[in-house]
Protein backbone atom coordinates (compact mmCIF):
# COMPACT_ATOMS: atom_id res chain seq x y z
CA MET A 1 -99.98 31.52 -55.26
CA LYS A 2 -100.98 35.59 -55.66
CA HIS A 3 -98.26 35.66 -52.25
CA PHE A 4 -96.02 32.95 -53.09
CA LEU A 5 -94.98 35.12 -56.86
CA SER A 6 -94.81 38.13 -54.92
CA GLY A 7 -92.46 36.71 -52.15
CA ILE A 8 -89.82 35.61 -55.37
CA PHE A 9 -90.28 38.84 -57.06
CA ILE A 10 -89.27 40.97 -53.61
CA THR A 11 -86.46 38.58 -53.07
CA THR A 12 -84.82 38.38 -56.34
CA THR A 13 -85.11 42.28 -56.57
CA MET A 14 -83.06 42.77 -52.96
CA VAL A 15 -80.55 39.55 -54.14
CA PHE A 16 -79.71 41.39 -57.14
CA THR A 17 -79.72 45.11 -55.88
CA ALA A 18 -77.25 43.46 -52.92
CA MET A 19 -75.22 42.29 -56.15
CA VAL A 20 -75.31 45.23 -57.80
CA LEU A 21 -74.36 47.43 -54.71
CA ASN A 22 -71.18 44.75 -54.20
CA ALA A 23 -70.24 44.95 -57.71
CA CYS A 24 -70.03 49.07 -56.90
CA SER A 25 -68.08 48.85 -53.43
CA ASP A 26 -65.71 46.39 -54.73
CA SER A 27 -64.71 48.30 -57.46
CA LYS A 28 -60.92 48.96 -57.86
CA PRO A 29 -59.85 52.62 -59.32
CA PRO A 30 -58.67 52.13 -62.78
CA GLN A 31 -54.88 51.03 -64.03
CA ILE A 32 -52.82 54.38 -64.26
CA SER A 33 -49.74 54.15 -66.25
CA PHE A 34 -46.44 56.46 -66.08
CA SER A 35 -46.30 56.69 -70.15
CA GLY A 36 -50.05 57.40 -70.66
CA ASN A 37 -50.92 59.11 -67.12
CA ILE A 38 -47.61 60.00 -65.21
CA HIS A 39 -45.06 61.48 -67.72
CA PRO A 40 -47.37 64.08 -68.72
CA ILE A 41 -47.90 65.37 -65.19
CA LEU A 42 -44.30 65.18 -64.42
CA ASN A 43 -44.14 67.37 -68.26
CA LYS A 44 -46.50 70.10 -67.33
CA HIS A 45 -45.96 70.04 -63.67
CA CYS A 46 -41.90 69.21 -62.84
CA MET A 47 -39.47 69.17 -66.12
CA GLU A 48 -39.09 73.36 -66.09
CA CYS A 49 -36.61 72.17 -63.34
CA HIS A 50 -36.27 68.37 -62.68
CA GLN A 51 -34.10 67.45 -65.96
CA SER A 52 -29.99 67.46 -66.35
CA GLY A 53 -29.04 70.70 -66.16
CA GLY A 54 -32.42 71.92 -64.44
CA PRO A 55 -31.83 74.06 -61.46
CA GLY A 56 -34.18 71.18 -59.34
CA PHE A 57 -31.45 68.66 -60.49
CA GLU A 58 -28.67 70.88 -59.48
CA ALA A 59 -29.69 71.09 -56.14
CA SER A 60 -31.55 67.72 -55.38
CA GLY A 61 -30.28 65.47 -57.94
CA LEU A 62 -33.78 64.66 -59.16
CA ASN A 63 -34.49 63.67 -62.75
CA MET A 64 -37.88 63.17 -64.19
CA GLN A 65 -36.99 62.21 -67.52
CA SER A 66 -38.06 58.96 -67.55
CA TYR A 67 -38.97 56.34 -65.67
CA ASP A 68 -35.42 55.35 -64.39
CA THR A 69 -34.36 58.93 -63.46
CA LEU A 70 -37.42 59.11 -61.25
CA MET A 71 -37.50 55.64 -59.21
CA LYS A 72 -33.44 56.60 -58.80
CA GLY A 73 -34.25 59.62 -56.81
CA THR A 74 -32.32 62.25 -55.53
CA LYS A 75 -28.70 62.61 -53.86
CA PHE A 76 -30.62 61.97 -50.60
CA GLY A 77 -32.49 58.90 -51.61
CA PRO A 78 -35.61 57.51 -53.46
CA VAL A 79 -38.78 59.87 -53.43
CA ILE A 80 -41.06 57.15 -54.65
CA LYS A 81 -41.83 54.17 -52.57
CA PRO A 82 -43.67 51.59 -54.73
CA GLY A 83 -47.25 50.60 -53.25
CA ASP A 84 -46.94 52.56 -50.73
CA ALA A 85 -48.00 56.61 -51.72
CA ILE A 86 -48.10 57.52 -47.85
CA SER A 87 -44.60 56.97 -47.15
CA SER A 88 -43.18 58.99 -50.96
CA THR A 89 -41.66 62.24 -50.59
CA LEU A 90 -42.94 62.97 -53.90
CA VAL A 91 -46.07 62.26 -52.56
CA ARG A 92 -45.95 64.88 -49.57
CA LEU A 93 -44.24 67.45 -51.67
CA ILE A 94 -47.18 67.86 -54.90
CA LYS A 95 -49.37 67.53 -51.68
CA GLY A 96 -47.96 70.77 -49.56
CA LYS A 97 -47.07 68.47 -46.32
CA ALA A 98 -43.44 69.10 -46.61
CA ASP A 99 -41.56 72.38 -45.31
CA PRO A 100 -42.67 75.23 -47.76
CA SER A 101 -39.44 75.98 -48.85
CA ILE A 102 -39.40 72.62 -50.89
CA ASN A 103 -43.02 71.89 -51.72
CA MET A 104 -43.43 71.42 -55.22
CA PRO A 105 -44.02 73.10 -57.76
CA HIS A 106 -41.85 75.90 -56.52
CA GLY A 107 -42.05 79.68 -57.37
CA GLY A 108 -45.58 80.61 -58.17
CA ARG A 109 -45.88 77.73 -60.35
CA GLN A 110 -49.32 76.10 -61.27
CA PRO A 111 -50.25 73.37 -58.00
CA LEU A 112 -50.93 70.16 -59.50
CA SER A 113 -54.79 68.91 -59.42
CA GLU A 114 -56.53 67.41 -57.07
CA VAL A 115 -56.90 64.90 -59.71
CA GLU A 116 -53.36 64.83 -61.02
CA ILE A 117 -52.18 64.45 -56.96
CA GLN A 118 -54.90 61.53 -57.03
CA GLN A 119 -53.51 59.65 -60.11
CA VAL A 120 -50.14 60.03 -58.78
CA GLU A 121 -50.83 58.28 -55.60
CA THR A 122 -53.02 56.03 -57.42
CA TRP A 123 -49.66 54.90 -59.81
CA ILE A 124 -47.44 54.57 -56.36
CA ASN A 125 -49.74 52.75 -54.68
CA GLN A 126 -50.82 50.27 -57.89
CA GLY A 127 -46.53 49.60 -57.65
CA ALA A 128 -44.95 52.46 -59.01
CA LYS A 129 -44.56 50.49 -62.38
CA ASN A 130 -43.06 51.04 -66.11
CA ASN A 131 -46.09 50.97 -68.12
């Protein structure tokens, strides 16, 4: 009987451990919101140039003052492809993966932190919603 109860305890412990590990590995990133997460990042790093009348707006047509103007993109096309951060021009620019003359932000301004870049990527991968 002692061996039987010991076996049940070990089996139960193993099943419980597997369930916990599975739950941890299946966890999804937290929902990122435009108003709570992304717009503050844009205000901090981008808005100085990318608003109506700003030098970035004048050069590219990209206005980051609102969700709608951001999603409109530049005079060359959209900078965000909802659901696909890898194909989104904005991500390439803020990660420094474009030509150095157009990487963002320009001119000695503080670059986005890894956490901020990850939030932008996650938001885009989550569909770039106006939330």
